[in-house]
Amino acid sequence: EGSTRTTAPRTRPPVARPGRDRGPGARPRGPPQPEG
């Protein structure tokens, strides 16, 4: 079998966990808040 090596270690793609992951574009937790 050919090379499966990469120059950087293989990483799994990030999996979003509802209610836990916070990042750009993530929904805020809890009930919607009034603007401001």
PDB file of all heavy atoms in Angstrom:
ATOM      1  N   GLU A   1       0.846  -1.182   0.000  1.00  0.00           N
ATOM      2  CA  GLU A   1       0.000   0.000   0.000  1.00  0.00           C
ATOM      3  C   GLU A   1       0.879   1.227   0.000  1.00  0.00           C
ATOM      4  O   GLU A   1       1.942   1.242   0.607  1.00  0.00           O
ATOM      5  CB  GLU A   1      -0.894   0.028   1.233  1.00  0.00           C
ATOM      6  CG  GLU A   1      -2.054  -0.916   1.149  1.00  0.00           C
ATOM      7  CD  GLU A   1      -3.046  -0.677   2.258  1.00  0.00           C
ATOM      8  OE1 GLU A   1      -3.094   0.450   2.791  1.00  0.00           O
ATOM      9  OE2 GLU A   1      -3.754  -1.619   2.583  1.00  0.00           O
ATOM     10  N   GLY A   2       0.411   2.267  -0.666  1.00  0.00           N
ATOM     11  CA  GLY A   2       1.178   3.499  -0.767  1.00  0.00           C
ATOM     12  C   GLY A   2       1.231   4.253   0.541  1.00  0.00           C
ATOM     13  O   GLY A   2       0.621   3.873   1.534  1.00  0.00           O
ATOM     14  N   SER A   3       1.936   5.324   0.506  1.00  0.00           N
ATOM     15  CA  SER A   3       2.148   6.117   1.709  1.00  0.00           C
ATOM     16  C   SER A   3       0.853   6.753   2.170  1.00  0.00           C
ATOM     17  O   SER A   3       0.126   7.343   1.401  1.00  0.00           O
ATOM     18  CB  SER A   3       3.170   7.217   1.422  1.00  0.00           C
ATOM     19  OG  SER A   3       3.314   8.034   2.539  1.00  0.00           O
ATOM     20  N   THR A   4       0.579   6.609   3.446  1.00  0.00           N
ATOM     21  CA  THR A   4      -0.543   7.313   4.054  1.00  0.00           C
ATOM     22  C   THR A   4      -0.006   8.366   4.997  1.00  0.00           C
ATOM     23  O   THR A   4      -0.750   8.987   5.721  1.00  0.00           O
ATOM     24  CB  THR A   4      -1.435   6.329   4.841  1.00  0.00           C
ATOM     25  OG1 THR A   4      -0.629   5.669   5.810  1.00  0.00           O
ATOM     26  CG2 THR A   4      -2.079   5.331   3.912  1.00  0.00           C
ATOM     27  N   ARG A   5       1.298   8.566   4.959  1.00  0.00           N
ATOM     28  CA  ARG A   5       1.900   9.544   5.854  1.00  0.00           C
ATOM     29  C   ARG A   5       1.615  10.944   5.355  1.00  0.00           C
ATOM     30  O   ARG A   5       1.531  11.197   4.170  1.00  0.00           O
ATOM     31  CB  ARG A   5       3.404   9.340   5.915  1.00  0.00           C
ATOM     32  CG  ARG A   5       3.794   8.027   6.504  1.00  0.00           C
ATOM     33  CD  ARG A   5       5.316   7.934   6.521  1.00  0.00           C
ATOM     34  NE  ARG A   5       5.701   6.638   6.957  1.00  0.00           N
ATOM     35  CZ  ARG A   5       6.013   5.646   6.144  1.00  0.00           C
ATOM     36  NH1 ARG A   5       5.999   5.820   4.848  1.00  0.00           N
ATOM     37  NH2 ARG A   5       6.366   4.488   6.609  1.00  0.00           N
ATOM     38  N   THR A   6       1.493  11.853   6.271  1.00  0.00           N
ATOM     39  CA  THR A   6       1.352  13.258   5.935  1.00  0.00           C
ATOM     40  C   THR A   6       2.438  13.998   6.684  1.00  0.00           C
ATOM     41  O   THR A   6       3.039  13.470   7.605  1.00  0.00           O
ATOM     42  CB  THR A   6      -0.026  13.804   6.350  1.00  0.00           C
ATOM     43  OG1 THR A   6      -0.172  13.610   7.752  1.00  0.00           O
ATOM     44  CG2 THR A   6      -1.143  13.110   5.605  1.00  0.00           C
ATOM     45  N   THR A   7       2.680  15.224   6.289  1.00  0.00           N
ATOM     46  CA  THR A   7       3.723  15.973   6.972  1.00  0.00           C
ATOM     47  C   THR A   7       3.260  16.419   8.354  1.00  0.00           C
ATOM     48  O   THR A   7       4.064  16.634   9.227  1.00  0.00           O
ATOM     49  CB  THR A   7       4.134  17.207   6.149  1.00  0.00           C
ATOM     50  OG1 THR A   7       2.956  17.954   5.860  1.00  0.00           O
ATOM     51  CG2 THR A   7       4.810  16.791   4.874  1.00  0.00           C
ATOM     52  N   ALA A   8       1.972  16.571   8.534  1.00  0.00           N
ATOM     53  CA  ALA A   8       1.437  16.938   9.847  1.00  0.00           C
ATOM     54  C   ALA A   8       0.610  15.766  10.357  1.00  0.00           C
ATOM     55  O   ALA A   8       0.083  14.989   9.584  1.00  0.00           O
ATOM     56  CB  ALA A   8       0.566  18.177   9.709  1.00  0.00           C
ATOM     57  N   PRO A   9       0.497  15.634  11.663  1.00  0.00           N
ATOM     58  CA  PRO A   9      -0.315  14.544  12.181  1.00  0.00           C
ATOM     59  C   PRO A   9      -1.758  14.680  11.718  1.00  0.00           C
ATOM     60  O   PRO A   9      -2.261  15.792  11.575  1.00  0.00           O
ATOM     61  CB  PRO A   9      -0.207  14.688  13.695  1.00  0.00           C
ATOM     62  CG  PRO A   9       0.640  15.848  13.966  1.00  0.00           C
ATOM     63  CD  PRO A   9       1.076  16.450  12.677  1.00  0.00           C
ATOM     64  N   ARG A  10      -2.381  13.560  11.474  1.00  0.00           N
ATOM     65  CA  ARG A  10      -3.777  13.587  11.059  1.00  0.00           C
ATOM     66  C   ARG A  10      -4.646  13.992  12.235  1.00  0.00           C
ATOM     67  O   ARG A  10      -4.447  13.557  13.353  1.00  0.00           O
ATOM     68  CB  ARG A  10      -4.210  12.219  10.570  1.00  0.00           C
ATOM     69  CG  ARG A  10      -3.610  11.865   9.265  1.00  0.00           C
ATOM     70  CD  ARG A  10      -4.209  10.584   8.804  1.00  0.00           C
ATOM     71  NE  ARG A  10      -3.767  10.348   7.448  1.00  0.00           N
ATOM     72  CZ  ARG A  10      -4.256   9.434   6.684  1.00  0.00           C
ATOM     73  NH1 ARG A  10      -5.202   8.651   7.117  1.00  0.00           N
ATOM     74  NH2 ARG A  10      -3.808   9.282   5.467  1.00  0.00           N
ATOM     75  N   THR A  11      -5.621  14.828  11.950  1.00  0.00           N
ATOM     76  CA  THR A  11      -6.573  15.210  12.972  1.00  0.00           C
ATOM     77  C   THR A  11      -7.969  14.977  12.427  1.00  0.00           C
ATOM     78  O   THR A  11      -8.197  15.055  11.229  1.00  0.00           O
ATOM     79  CB  THR A  11      -6.419  16.699  13.357  1.00  0.00           C
ATOM     80  OG1 THR A  11      -6.600  17.490  12.186  1.00  0.00           O
ATOM     81  CG2 THR A  11      -5.071  16.973  13.973  1.00  0.00           C
ATOM     82  N   ARG A  12      -8.873  14.689  13.327  1.00  0.00           N
ATOM     83  CA  ARG A  12     -10.253  14.525  12.899  1.00  0.00           C
ATOM     84  C   ARG A  12     -10.865  15.895  12.696  1.00  0.00           C
ATOM     85  O   ARG A  12     -10.533  16.847  13.409  1.00  0.00           O
ATOM     86  CB  ARG A  12     -11.039  13.773  13.954  1.00  0.00           C
ATOM     87  CG  ARG A  12     -10.706  12.321  13.950  1.00  0.00           C
ATOM     88  CD  ARG A  12     -11.678  11.595  14.810  1.00  0.00           C
ATOM     89  NE  ARG A  12     -11.082  11.456  16.129  1.00  0.00           N
ATOM     90  CZ  ARG A  12     -11.728  11.160  17.215  1.00  0.00           C
ATOM     91  NH1 ARG A  12     -13.015  10.983  17.184  1.00  0.00           N
ATOM     92  NH2 ARG A  12     -11.108  11.040  18.357  1.00  0.00           N
ATOM     93  N   PRO A  13     -11.810  16.009  11.750  1.00  0.00           N
ATOM     94  CA  PRO A  13     -12.468  17.303  11.592  1.00  0.00           C
ATOM     95  C   PRO A  13     -13.277  17.615  12.836  1.00  0.00           C
ATOM     96  O   PRO A  13     -13.766  16.699  13.504  1.00  0.00           O
ATOM     97  CB  PRO A  13     -13.370  17.101  10.371  1.00  0.00           C
ATOM     98  CG  PRO A  13     -13.477  15.635  10.181  1.00  0.00           C
ATOM     99  CD  PRO A  13     -12.270  15.023  10.819  1.00  0.00           C
ATOM    100  N   PRO A  14     -13.394  18.887  13.175  1.00  0.00           N
ATOM    101  CA  PRO A  14     -14.124  19.233  14.387  1.00  0.00           C
ATOM    102  C   PRO A  14     -15.588  18.823  14.259  1.00  0.00           C
ATOM    103  O   PRO A  14     -16.194  18.954  13.207  1.00  0.00           O
ATOM    104  CB  PRO A  14     -13.967  20.753  14.487  1.00  0.00           C
ATOM    105  CG  PRO A  14     -13.592  21.197  13.137  1.00  0.00           C
ATOM    106  CD  PRO A  14     -12.903  20.049  12.470  1.00  0.00           C
ATOM    107  N   VAL A  15     -16.118  18.315  15.332  1.00  0.00           N
ATOM    108  CA  VAL A  15     -17.516  17.924  15.384  1.00  0.00           C
ATOM    109  C   VAL A  15     -18.212  18.868  16.344  1.00  0.00           C
ATOM    110  O   VAL A  15     -17.806  19.004  17.496  1.00  0.00           O
ATOM    111  CB  VAL A  15     -17.648  16.454  15.873  1.00  0.00           C
ATOM    112  CG1 VAL A  15     -19.103  16.063  16.003  1.00  0.00           C
ATOM    113  CG2 VAL A  15     -16.905  15.529  14.938  1.00  0.00           C
ATOM    114  N   ALA A  16     -19.258  19.511  15.859  1.00  0.00           N
ATOM    115  CA  ALA A  16     -19.990  20.447  16.711  1.00  0.00           C
ATOM    116  C   ALA A  16     -20.834  19.661  17.700  1.00  0.00           C
ATOM    117  O   ALA A  16     -21.513  18.714  17.342  1.00  0.00           O
ATOM    118  CB  ALA A  16     -20.879  21.342  15.863  1.00  0.00           C
ATOM    119  N   ARG A  17     -20.730  20.054  18.939  1.00  0.00           N
ATOM    120  CA  ARG A  17     -21.538  19.435  19.979  1.00  0.00           C
ATOM    121  C   ARG A  17     -22.561  20.462  20.411  1.00  0.00           C
ATOM    122  O   ARG A  17     -22.198  21.492  20.981  1.00  0.00           O
ATOM    123  CB  ARG A  17     -20.657  19.002  21.136  1.00  0.00           C
ATOM    124  CG  ARG A  17     -19.659  17.918  20.718  1.00  0.00           C
ATOM    125  CD  ARG A  17     -18.734  17.613  21.841  1.00  0.00           C
ATOM    126  NE  ARG A  17     -17.936  18.827  22.100  1.00  0.00           N
ATOM    127  CZ  ARG A  17     -16.991  18.908  23.028  1.00  0.00           C
ATOM    128  NH1 ARG A  17     -16.724  17.890  23.795  1.00  0.00           N
ATOM    129  NH2 ARG A  17     -16.318  20.019  23.198  1.00  0.00           N
ATOM    130  N   PRO A  18     -23.831  20.203  20.157  1.00  0.00           N
ATOM    131  CA  PRO A  18     -24.851  21.200  20.477  1.00  0.00           C
ATOM    132  C   PRO A  18     -24.791  21.598  21.945  1.00  0.00           C
ATOM    133  O   PRO A  18     -24.711  20.764  22.833  1.00  0.00           O
ATOM    134  CB  PRO A  18     -26.171  20.471  20.174  1.00  0.00           C
ATOM    135  CG  PRO A  18     -25.800  19.345  19.269  1.00  0.00           C
ATOM    136  CD  PRO A  18     -24.376  19.003  19.573  1.00  0.00           C
ATOM    137  N   GLY A  19     -24.832  22.887  22.150  1.00  0.00           N
ATOM    138  CA  GLY A  19     -24.854  23.406  23.503  1.00  0.00           C
ATOM    139  C   GLY A  19     -23.501  23.468  24.178  1.00  0.00           C
ATOM    140  O   GLY A  19     -23.379  23.967  25.277  1.00  0.00           O
ATOM    141  N   ARG A  20     -22.457  22.991  23.552  1.00  0.00           N
ATOM    142  CA  ARG A  20     -21.138  22.994  24.201  1.00  0.00           C
ATOM    143  C   ARG A  20     -20.123  23.845  23.465  1.00  0.00           C
ATOM    144  O   ARG A  20     -19.294  24.479  24.082  1.00  0.00           O
ATOM    145  CB  ARG A  20     -20.592  21.577  24.310  1.00  0.00           C
ATOM    146  CG  ARG A  20     -21.368  20.727  25.251  1.00  0.00           C
ATOM    147  CD  ARG A  20     -20.680  19.437  25.427  1.00  0.00           C
ATOM    148  NE  ARG A  20     -21.363  18.668  26.444  1.00  0.00           N
ATOM    149  CZ  ARG A  20     -20.888  17.593  26.986  1.00  0.00           C
ATOM    150  NH1 ARG A  20     -19.716  17.151  26.625  1.00  0.00           N
ATOM    151  NH2 ARG A  20     -21.561  16.949  27.892  1.00  0.00           N
ATOM    152  N   ASP A  21     -20.114  23.742  22.148  1.00  0.00           N
ATOM    153  CA  ASP A  21     -19.089  24.440  21.387  1.00  0.00           C
ATOM    154  C   ASP A  21     -19.462  25.902  21.195  1.00  0.00           C
ATOM    155  O   ASP A  21     -20.593  26.245  20.868  1.00  0.00           O
ATOM    156  CB  ASP A  21     -18.893  23.789  20.017  1.00  0.00           C
ATOM    157  CG  ASP A  21     -18.205  22.447  20.130  1.00  0.00           C
ATOM    158  OD1 ASP A  21     -17.544  22.222  21.153  1.00  0.00           O
ATOM    159  OD2 ASP A  21     -18.342  21.642  19.207  1.00  0.00           O
ATOM    160  N   ARG A  22     -18.529  26.741  21.438  1.00  0.00           N
ATOM    161  CA  ARG A  22     -18.707  28.173  21.241  1.00  0.00           C
ATOM    162  C   ARG A  22     -17.674  28.604  20.227  1.00  0.00           C
ATOM    163  O   ARG A  22     -16.500  28.348  20.378  1.00  0.00           O
ATOM    164  CB  ARG A  22     -18.479  28.942  22.542  1.00  0.00           C
ATOM    165  CG  ARG A  22     -19.233  28.419  23.733  1.00  0.00           C
ATOM    166  CD  ARG A  22     -20.728  28.491  23.597  1.00  0.00           C
ATOM    167  NE  ARG A  22     -21.137  29.861  23.442  1.00  0.00           N
ATOM    168  CZ  ARG A  22     -22.291  30.213  22.894  1.00  0.00           C
ATOM    169  NH1 ARG A  22     -23.117  29.320  22.467  1.00  0.00           N
ATOM    170  NH2 ARG A  22     -22.600  31.467  22.784  1.00  0.00           N
ATOM    171  N   GLY A  23     -18.100  29.199  19.217  1.00  0.00           N
ATOM    172  CA  GLY A  23     -17.172  29.656  18.200  1.00  0.00           C
ATOM    173  C   GLY A  23     -17.843  30.687  17.327  1.00  0.00           C
ATOM    174  O   GLY A  23     -18.996  31.079  17.564  1.00  0.00           O
ATOM    175  N   PRO A  24     -17.159  31.137  16.301  1.00  0.00           N
ATOM    176  CA  PRO A  24     -17.761  32.128  15.421  1.00  0.00           C
ATOM    177  C   PRO A  24     -19.055  31.570  14.823  1.00  0.00           C
ATOM    178  O   PRO A  24     -19.100  30.450  14.344  1.00  0.00           O
ATOM    179  CB  PRO A  24     -16.715  32.363  14.345  1.00  0.00           C
ATOM    180  CG  PRO A  24     -15.469  31.713  14.826  1.00  0.00           C
ATOM    181  CD  PRO A  24     -15.844  30.759  15.897  1.00  0.00           C
ATOM    182  N   GLY A  25     -20.103  32.320  14.889  1.00  0.00           N
ATOM    183  CA  GLY A  25     -21.364  31.912  14.305  1.00  0.00           C
ATOM    184  C   GLY A  25     -22.191  31.005  15.191  1.00  0.00           C
ATOM    185  O   GLY A  25     -23.250  30.535  14.788  1.00  0.00           O
ATOM    186  N   ALA A  26     -21.706  30.729  16.406  1.00  0.00           N
ATOM    187  CA  ALA A  26     -22.445  29.850  17.301  1.00  0.00           C
ATOM    188  C   ALA A  26     -23.647  30.591  17.873  1.00  0.00           C
ATOM    189  O   ALA A  26     -23.587  31.796  18.126  1.00  0.00           O
ATOM    190  CB  ALA A  26     -21.549  29.367  18.433  1.00  0.00           C
ATOM    191  N   ARG A  27     -24.747  29.882  18.054  1.00  0.00           N
ATOM    192  CA  ARG A  27     -25.943  30.478  18.652  1.00  0.00           C
ATOM    193  C   ARG A  27     -25.722  30.664  20.140  1.00  0.00           C
ATOM    194  O   ARG A  27     -25.137  29.812  20.800  1.00  0.00           O
ATOM    195  CB  ARG A  27     -27.139  29.558  18.443  1.00  0.00           C
ATOM    196  CG  ARG A  27     -27.601  29.465  17.041  1.00  0.00           C
ATOM    197  CD  ARG A  27     -28.907  28.695  16.957  1.00  0.00           C
ATOM    198  NE  ARG A  27     -29.275  28.012  18.180  1.00  0.00           N
ATOM    199  CZ  ARG A  27     -29.520  26.716  18.266  1.00  0.00           C
ATOM    200  NH1 ARG A  27     -29.449  25.955  17.220  1.00  0.00           N
ATOM    201  NH2 ARG A  27     -29.853  26.170  19.419  1.00  0.00           N
ATOM    202  N   PRO A  28     -26.240  31.734  20.701  1.00  0.00           N
ATOM    203  CA  PRO A  28     -26.115  31.889  22.144  1.00  0.00           C
ATOM    204  C   PRO A  28     -27.006  30.869  22.846  1.00  0.00           C
ATOM    205  O   PRO A  28     -28.025  30.449  22.323  1.00  0.00           O
ATOM    206  CB  PRO A  28     -26.591  33.318  22.402  1.00  0.00           C
ATOM    207  CG  PRO A  28     -27.305  33.746  21.176  1.00  0.00           C
ATOM    208  CD  PRO A  28     -26.848  32.876  20.061  1.00  0.00           C
ATOM    209  N   ARG A  29     -26.560  30.466  24.017  1.00  0.00           N
ATOM    210  CA  ARG A  29     -27.343  29.528  24.810  1.00  0.00           C
ATOM    211  C   ARG A  29     -28.484  30.248  25.503  1.00  0.00           C
ATOM    212  O   ARG A  29     -28.407  31.435  25.799  1.00  0.00           O
ATOM    213  CB  ARG A  29     -26.462  28.873  25.857  1.00  0.00           C
ATOM    214  CG  ARG A  29     -25.441  27.967  25.270  1.00  0.00           C
ATOM    215  CD  ARG A  29     -24.734  27.238  26.383  1.00  0.00           C
ATOM    216  NE  ARG A  29     -23.356  27.049  25.949  1.00  0.00           N
ATOM    217  CZ  ARG A  29     -22.358  26.842  26.756  1.00  0.00           C
ATOM    218  NH1 ARG A  29     -22.543  26.819  28.034  1.00  0.00           N
ATOM    219  NH2 ARG A  29     -21.159  26.663  26.280  1.00  0.00           N
ATOM    220  N   GLY A  30     -29.499  29.471  25.833  1.00  0.00           N
ATOM    221  CA  GLY A  30     -30.604  30.019  26.614  1.00  0.00           C
ATOM    222  C   GLY A  30     -31.636  30.724  25.767  1.00  0.00           C
ATOM    223  O   GLY A  30     -31.569  30.722  24.540  1.00  0.00           O
ATOM    224  N   PRO A  31     -32.573  31.361  26.452  1.00  0.00           N
ATOM    225  CA  PRO A  31     -33.651  32.042  25.719  1.00  0.00           C
ATOM    226  C   PRO A  31     -33.105  33.267  24.998  1.00  0.00           C
ATOM    227  O   PRO A  31     -32.095  33.841  25.397  1.00  0.00           O
ATOM    228  CB  PRO A  31     -34.643  32.425  26.824  1.00  0.00           C
ATOM    229  CG  PRO A  31     -33.857  32.438  28.081  1.00  0.00           C
ATOM    230  CD  PRO A  31     -32.741  31.452  27.891  1.00  0.00           C
ATOM    231  N   PRO A  32     -33.752  33.667  23.929  1.00  0.00           N
ATOM    232  CA  PRO A  32     -33.290  34.856  23.207  1.00  0.00           C
ATOM    233  C   PRO A  32     -33.345  36.093  24.106  1.00  0.00           C
ATOM    234  O   PRO A  32     -34.245  36.237  24.919  1.00  0.00           O
ATOM    235  CB  PRO A  32     -34.262  34.983  22.036  1.00  0.00           C
ATOM    236  CG  PRO A  32     -35.304  33.939  22.201  1.00  0.00           C
ATOM    237  CD  PRO A  32     -34.930  33.080  23.355  1.00  0.00           C
ATOM    238  N   GLN A  33     -32.357  36.951  23.963  1.00  0.00           N
ATOM    239  CA  GLN A  33     -32.249  38.157  24.777  1.00  0.00           C
ATOM    240  C   GLN A  33     -32.660  39.364  23.929  1.00  0.00           C
ATOM    241  O   GLN A  33     -32.417  39.389  22.724  1.00  0.00           O
ATOM    242  CB  GLN A  33     -30.809  38.342  25.261  1.00  0.00           C
ATOM    243  CG  GLN A  33     -30.286  37.203  26.105  1.00  0.00           C
ATOM    244  CD  GLN A  33     -31.007  37.145  27.443  1.00  0.00           C
ATOM    245  OE1 GLN A  33     -31.344  38.156  28.041  1.00  0.00           O
ATOM    246  NE2 GLN A  33     -31.265  35.930  27.898  1.00  0.00           N
ATOM    247  N   PRO A  34     -33.247  40.365  24.558  1.00  0.00           N
ATOM    248  CA  PRO A  34     -33.542  41.588  23.803  1.00  0.00           C
ATOM    249  C   PRO A  34     -32.241  42.213  23.311  1.00  0.00           C
ATOM    250  O   PRO A  34     -31.178  41.997  23.885  1.00  0.00           O
ATOM    251  CB  PRO A  34     -34.230  42.506  24.816  1.00  0.00           C
ATOM    252  CG  PRO A  34     -34.418  41.709  26.059  1.00  0.00           C
ATOM    253  CD  PRO A  34     -33.680  40.425  25.914  1.00  0.00           C
ATOM    254  N   GLU A  35     -32.340  42.970  22.234  1.00  0.00           N
ATOM    255  CA  GLU A  35     -31.153  43.568  21.632  1.00  0.00           C
ATOM    256  C   GLU A  35     -30.453  44.487  22.621  1.00  0.00           C
ATOM    257  O   GLU A  35     -31.088  45.243  23.349  1.00  0.00           O
ATOM    258  CB  GLU A  35     -31.534  44.361  20.389  1.00  0.00           C
ATOM    259  CG  GLU A  35     -30.319  44.698  19.575  1.00  0.00           C
ATOM    260  CD  GLU A  35     -30.680  45.014  18.143  1.00  0.00           C
ATOM    261  OE1 GLU A  35     -31.590  44.383  17.601  1.00  0.00           O
ATOM    262  OE2 GLU A  35     -30.028  45.878  17.603  1.00  0.00           O
ATOM    263  N   GLY A  36     -29.159  44.386  22.680  1.00  0.00           N
ATOM    264  CA  GLY A  36     -28.350  45.206  23.555  1.00  0.00           C
ATOM    265  C   GLY A  36     -28.123  44.581  24.916  1.00  0.00           C
ATOM    266  O   GLY A  36     -27.319  45.062  25.692  1.00  0.00           O
TER     267      GLY A  36
END
